[in-house]
Protein backbone atom coordinates (compact mmCIF):
# COMPACT_ATOMS: atom_id res chain seq x y z
CA MET A 1 0.00 0.00 0.00
CA ARG A 2 2.99 2.30 -0.03
CA GLU A 3 6.11 2.80 -2.09
CA GLN A 4 9.36 4.70 -1.85
CA ALA A 5 9.21 8.41 -2.65
CA GLY A 6 12.80 9.50 -2.97
CA GLU A 7 14.04 11.88 -0.31
CA HIS A 8 10.51 12.19 1.15
CA GLY A 9 10.47 8.52 2.14
CA LEU A 10 7.05 6.92 1.55
CA ARG A 11 4.28 7.80 -0.89
CA CYS A 12 0.67 6.61 -0.64
CA ARG A 13 -0.37 4.80 -3.83
CA ARG A 14 -3.99 5.84 -3.39
CA CYS A 15 -3.71 9.61 -2.94
CA ARG A 16 -0.07 10.04 -4.11
CA ASN A 17 0.74 12.23 -1.10
CA SER A 18 4.21 12.00 0.37
CA ILE A 19 4.27 10.30 3.77
CA TYR A 20 6.90 11.22 6.31
CA GLN A 21 7.73 8.89 9.14
CA VAL A 22 9.46 9.34 12.50
CA GLU A 23 10.43 6.16 14.35
CA PHE A 24 10.61 5.89 18.14
CA GLY A 25 11.84 2.35 18.65
CA CYS A 26 10.13 -0.58 16.97
CA HIS A 27 6.78 -0.11 18.72
CA THR A 28 5.99 3.54 18.08
CA SER A 29 5.71 5.42 14.79
CA PHE A 30 4.42 8.81 13.81
CA VAL A 31 3.59 9.57 10.20
CA PHE A 32 2.23 12.63 8.44
CA ASN A 33 1.87 13.70 4.82
CA ASP A 34 2.55 16.90 2.91
CA LYS A 35 -1.10 18.03 3.05
CA GLY A 36 -1.39 18.14 6.81
CA ALA A 37 -3.04 14.75 7.35
CA TRP A 38 -1.33 12.73 10.06
CA GLN A 39 -1.78 9.57 12.03
CA VAL A 40 -0.11 8.19 15.10
CA VAL A 41 0.58 4.46 15.10
CA LEU A 42 1.33 3.18 18.59
CA SER A 43 1.93 -0.42 19.52
CA PHE A 44 2.76 -1.42 23.07
CA PHE A 45 3.03 -5.09 22.20
CA GLN A 46 5.94 -7.12 20.91
CA LYS A 47 4.57 -7.24 17.35
CA PRO A 48 5.01 -3.90 15.53
CA LEU A 49 2.06 -2.44 13.67
CA SER A 50 2.26 -1.75 9.95
CA LEU A 51 1.65 1.77 8.70
CA ALA A 52 -1.86 2.44 7.41
CA ILE A 53 -2.87 4.72 4.56
CA LEU A 54 -3.49 8.20 5.86
CA ARG A 55 -7.00 9.63 5.67
CA PRO A 56 -7.60 13.40 5.45
CA THR A 57 -8.13 15.05 8.81
CA LYS A 58 -8.64 18.56 10.10
CA MET A 59 -6.15 18.04 12.93
CA ARG A 60 -3.03 20.16 13.03
CA SER A 61 -0.03 18.64 11.30
CA PHE A 62 3.11 17.75 13.20
CA PRO A 63 5.47 20.76 13.46
CA THR A 64 8.53 20.12 11.32
CA ASP A 65 10.38 23.31 12.25
CA ILE A 66 11.63 23.10 15.81
CA SER A 67 14.50 25.52 15.34
CA ALA A 68 12.74 27.94 17.70
CA ASP A 69 13.70 25.66 20.56
CA LYS A 70 17.42 26.04 19.92
CA GLY A 71 19.35 28.14 22.38
CA GLY A 72 17.82 26.34 25.33
CA LYS A 73 14.32 27.80 25.13
CA ASN A 74 11.36 25.59 25.84
CA GLY A 75 8.83 27.44 23.70
CA GLY A 76 8.05 24.63 21.27
CA ARG A 77 7.97 22.02 24.02
CA ARG A 78 5.37 23.92 26.04
CA LYS A 79 3.39 25.02 22.98
CA HIS A 80 2.41 21.44 22.21
CA ALA A 81 1.92 20.26 25.80
CA GLY A 82 -1.74 21.24 26.25
CA ALA A 83 -3.45 17.92 25.58
CA LEU A 84 -0.90 15.95 27.55
CA LYS A 85 -1.05 18.30 30.54
CA GLN A 86 -4.82 18.14 30.48
CA ALA A 87 -4.61 14.34 30.67
CA PHE A 88 -2.38 14.63 33.74
CA GLU A 89 -4.68 17.15 35.41
CA THR A 90 -7.74 15.00 34.75
CA LEU A 91 -6.36 11.52 35.44
CA GLY A 92 -3.17 12.06 37.45
CA THR A 93 -2.63 12.10 41.19
CA VAL A 94 -0.55 14.64 43.13
CA ARG A 95 2.50 13.26 44.89
CA LYS A 96 5.12 14.91 47.09
CA VAL A 97 8.73 13.87 46.57
CA ALA A 98 11.45 14.41 49.14
CA LYS A 99 14.88 15.74 48.25
CA GLY A 100 17.14 12.87 47.23
CA GLU A 101 14.22 10.51 46.49
CA TYR A 102 14.27 8.61 43.22
CA LEU A 103 11.28 8.70 40.89
CA HIS A 104 12.83 6.07 38.63
CA ARG A 105 15.79 3.73 39.02
CA ALA A 106 17.80 2.51 36.04
CA GLY A 107 16.93 -1.05 35.04
CA ASP A 108 13.45 -1.05 36.58
CA PRO A 109 10.40 -1.57 34.37
CA PRO A 110 8.62 1.75 33.70
CA GLN A 111 5.49 2.19 35.81
CA SER A 112 4.51 5.88 35.77
CA VAL A 113 5.07 9.18 34.02
CA PHE A 114 5.35 12.43 35.98
CA LEU A 115 4.58 16.09 35.34
CA MET A 116 6.70 18.48 37.40
CA ARG A 117 4.60 21.00 39.35
CA ASN A 118 7.47 22.52 41.33
CA GLY A 119 10.98 21.65 42.36
CA TRP A 120 13.93 20.23 40.42
CA VAL A 121 14.93 16.72 39.40
CA CYS A 122 17.84 15.41 37.36
CA ARG A 123 18.32 12.51 34.99
CA GLU A 124 21.60 10.77 35.75
CA ARG A 125 23.48 7.70 34.64
CA LEU A 126 26.39 5.87 36.20
CA ALA A 127 29.40 6.17 33.90
CA ASN A 128 31.49 3.71 35.91
CA GLN A 129 31.90 2.65 39.52
CA HIS A 130 33.17 6.06 40.59
CA THR A 131 31.59 8.70 38.33
CA TYR A 132 28.15 9.60 37.01
CA ALA A 133 26.80 11.90 34.32
CA ILE A 134 23.76 14.17 34.55
CA THR A 135 22.06 14.17 31.15
CA ALA A 136 19.15 16.51 31.98
CA VAL A 137 17.97 18.91 34.67
CA LEU A 138 14.15 19.11 34.80
CA LEU A 139 11.94 21.76 36.38
CA ARG A 140 8.31 22.91 36.56
CA GLY A 141 6.29 22.02 33.47
CA ASP A 142 8.66 19.25 32.32
CA PHE A 143 7.57 15.64 31.89
CA VAL A 144 9.56 12.83 33.45
CA GLY A 145 9.62 9.30 32.08
CA LEU A 146 7.80 9.72 28.76
CA ASP A 147 10.40 7.53 27.07
CA GLY A 148 9.05 4.63 29.11
CA ILE A 149 6.01 4.53 26.86
CA TYR A 150 7.91 2.41 24.36
CA GLY A 151 10.80 1.08 26.44
CA GLN A 152 11.09 -2.15 28.34
CA GLN A 153 13.08 -0.67 31.21
CA VAL A 154 14.13 2.68 32.64
CA THR A 155 17.55 3.70 31.29
CA ASP A 156 18.48 6.40 33.83
CA ASP A 157 18.04 7.27 37.48
CA ILE A 158 15.67 10.19 38.11
CA ARG A 159 16.69 11.92 41.36
CA ALA A 160 15.00 14.82 43.12
CA LEU A 161 17.43 17.70 43.59
CA THR A 162 14.93 19.49 45.85
CA SER A 163 11.64 18.62 47.47
CA CYS A 164 9.11 18.44 44.64
CA VAL A 165 5.43 18.18 43.85
CA VAL A 166 4.59 16.07 40.82
CA GLN A 167 1.49 14.71 39.15
CA GLU A 168 1.79 10.98 38.59
CA LEU A 169 0.04 9.10 35.81
CA PRO A 170 0.35 5.30 35.48
CA LEU A 171 1.89 4.31 32.17
CA SER A 172 -1.05 2.01 31.37
CA VAL A 173 -3.46 4.94 31.74
CA LEU A 174 -1.33 7.16 29.49
CA GLU A 175 -1.15 4.41 26.86
CA ALA A 176 -4.94 4.10 26.82
CA GLU A 177 -5.37 7.88 26.68
CA SER A 178 -2.95 8.22 23.76
CA ARG A 179 -4.93 5.62 21.81
CA ALA A 180 -8.22 7.34 22.56
CA ASP A 181 -7.06 10.92 21.89
CA PRO A 182 -4.70 11.59 18.94
CA ALA A 183 -3.87 15.03 20.39
CA VAL A 184 -2.32 13.34 23.43
CA ALA A 185 -0.30 11.04 21.19
CA GLN A 186 0.87 14.00 19.12
CA SER A 187 1.97 15.83 22.25
CA ILE A 188 3.96 12.79 23.39
CA ILE A 189 5.72 12.61 20.03
CA CYS A 190 6.51 16.34 20.16
CA HIS A 191 8.08 16.00 23.59
CA LEU A 192 10.11 12.93 22.68
CA THR A 193 11.37 14.64 19.53
CA LEU A 194 12.39 17.80 21.39
CA ASP A 195 14.04 15.75 24.13
CA GLY A 196 16.22 14.28 21.39
CA VAL A 197 17.03 17.76 20.09
CA PHE A 198 18.10 19.00 23.53
CA LEU A 199 20.16 15.87 24.15
CA ARG A 200 22.01 16.31 20.84
CA GLU A 201 22.68 19.95 21.70
CA ALA A 202 24.18 18.83 25.01
CA LEU A 203 26.33 16.27 23.19
CA VAL A 204 27.62 18.95 20.82
CA ALA A 205 28.41 21.23 23.76
CA ILE A 206 30.33 18.51 25.59
CA GLY A 207 32.04 17.19 22.47
CA ARG A 208 32.99 20.42 20.71
CA GLN A 209 32.89 23.36 23.14
CA LEU A 210 35.69 24.29 25.48
CA ALA A 211 34.82 24.23 29.17
CA PRO A 212 34.33 28.05 29.59
CA ALA A 213 31.84 28.14 26.69
CA ARG A 214 30.19 24.91 27.80
CA ILE A 215 29.25 26.23 31.22
CA CYS A 216 27.94 29.49 29.68
CA THR A 217 25.73 27.45 27.37
CA PHE A 218 24.26 25.60 30.34
CA ILE A 219 23.73 28.81 32.35
CA ALA A 220 22.03 30.58 29.42
CA GLN A 221 19.80 27.60 28.64
CA THR A 222 18.75 27.23 32.27
CA TYR A 223 18.04 30.97 32.52
CA ASP A 224 15.83 30.84 29.40
CA ARG A 225 13.95 27.79 30.65
CA LEU A 226 13.24 29.46 33.99
CA VAL A 227 11.94 32.56 32.21
CA ASP A 228 9.76 30.40 29.96
CA ALA A 229 8.35 28.59 33.01
CA SER A 230 7.62 31.99 34.65
CA LEU A 231 9.90 31.12 37.55
CA ILE A 232 12.00 34.24 37.04
CA THR A 233 11.56 37.45 35.07
CA SER A 234 13.41 38.16 31.85
CA ASP A 235 15.60 40.76 33.60
CA ALA A 236 16.40 38.66 36.69
CA ALA A 237 19.93 39.09 38.02
CA ARG A 238 20.04 35.79 39.93
CA PHE A 239 18.32 32.42 40.15
CA ASP A 240 18.49 29.28 42.25
CA LEU A 241 20.28 26.30 40.73
CA PRO A 242 20.20 23.39 43.22
CA LEU A 243 23.38 21.71 42.03
CA LYS A 244 26.50 20.99 44.01
CA GLN A 245 29.92 21.47 42.43
CA THR A 246 30.08 17.73 41.77
CA ASP A 247 26.65 17.86 40.10
CA MET A 248 27.71 20.82 37.94
CA ALA A 249 30.77 18.84 36.89
CA ALA A 250 28.55 15.87 36.03
CA VAL A 251 26.37 18.11 33.84
CA LEU A 252 29.34 19.58 31.99
CA GLY A 253 31.44 16.44 31.64
CA LEU A 254 34.26 17.89 33.73
CA THR A 255 36.08 16.93 36.88
CA PRO A 256 34.92 18.81 40.00
CA ILE A 257 38.30 20.55 40.24
CA HIS A 258 38.12 21.72 36.62
CA ALA A 259 34.52 22.91 37.06
CA HIS A 260 35.50 24.88 40.17
CA ARG A 261 38.37 26.56 38.30
CA ILE A 262 36.15 27.52 35.34
CA ILE A 263 33.49 29.01 37.65
CA LYS A 264 36.21 31.02 39.42
CA GLU A 265 37.42 32.37 36.05
CA HIS A 266 33.91 33.52 35.15
CA ARG A 267 33.49 35.12 38.58
CA GLU A 268 36.68 37.13 38.09
CA ARG A 269 35.64 38.04 34.54
CA GLY A 270 32.29 39.35 35.75
CA SER A 271 30.07 37.20 33.54
CA PHE A 272 28.42 35.19 36.34
CA ASP A 273 29.03 33.60 39.72
CA PHE A 274 27.82 30.28 41.07
CA ARG A 275 28.00 29.48 44.75
CA ALA A 276 25.72 28.07 47.46
CA GLU A 277 23.38 26.68 44.77
CA ARG A 278 22.65 30.14 43.36
CA VAL A 279 23.70 31.78 40.09
CA THR A 280 24.30 35.54 40.04
CA ILE A 281 24.37 37.07 36.59
CA GLY A 282 26.93 39.80 36.12
CA ASP A 283 26.65 40.28 32.35
CA MET A 284 24.09 38.12 30.49
CA PRO A 285 25.04 39.41 27.00
CA LEU A 286 28.61 38.36 27.79
CA VAL A 287 27.41 34.94 28.97
CA ARG A 288 25.54 34.44 25.68
CA LYS A 289 28.51 35.66 23.66
CA LEU A 290 30.88 33.28 25.44
CA ALA A 291 28.38 30.43 24.91
CA GLN A 292 28.78 30.92 21.16
CA SER A 293 32.58 31.01 21.25
């Protein structure tokens, strides 16, 4: 029922529209065509589902341009979160999480997905017996554990950096809701796609940026995310960042000693200071300039 269509991928033989496909593992696919019709194909069983011919629909097509999210801003992520957040507010339960508590542990089967209401959590992974890496810092409005919707086990530890309030939704309930409401499924795909974008940006920063620029990138991204979440104003001179020096090093891929030295250099330069889990901005334009160096 479908054939190859050059660089566009698949083409429907019935309507001749190009079909674009995004794969999320072998059990989840998202397809949309060049006339705005789209369909989510989700399978939570071992046998993958085949792609069906798309039928015209009035629903909004999947956003292909996510460049607005570059630079650390969360605009696109939050823009497409409405249906998913509504599902959490309707079906989820409020849960308090103590500082240091784990929402997920690596290797465990996924059970629930969480929506952050306040507080901070981090996604971390053990690099070896002595060191760990923090791959994401999550705050109010972020979803935790969406990747479990197609995975067989949790890949990272999710640790609360502060006391938190979250809304918890069992994975089985979210699966049923995504089948019943295509808008929820679309929102899930948007978030998973943007998570991949942010992760690749972090990989580029760690792999190609020098340490002084790398830390400025992280500070600027965190600042923009806090502004987007209405946790600080756009002209704020300081913000809380509940990371220890060792955590900051784990975010940046540095040793704690190296991270401490880089922070001291920025303090002396007047760009920013980080101490006692608080960032003080001295010159934000300079921070952004150094992040691009």
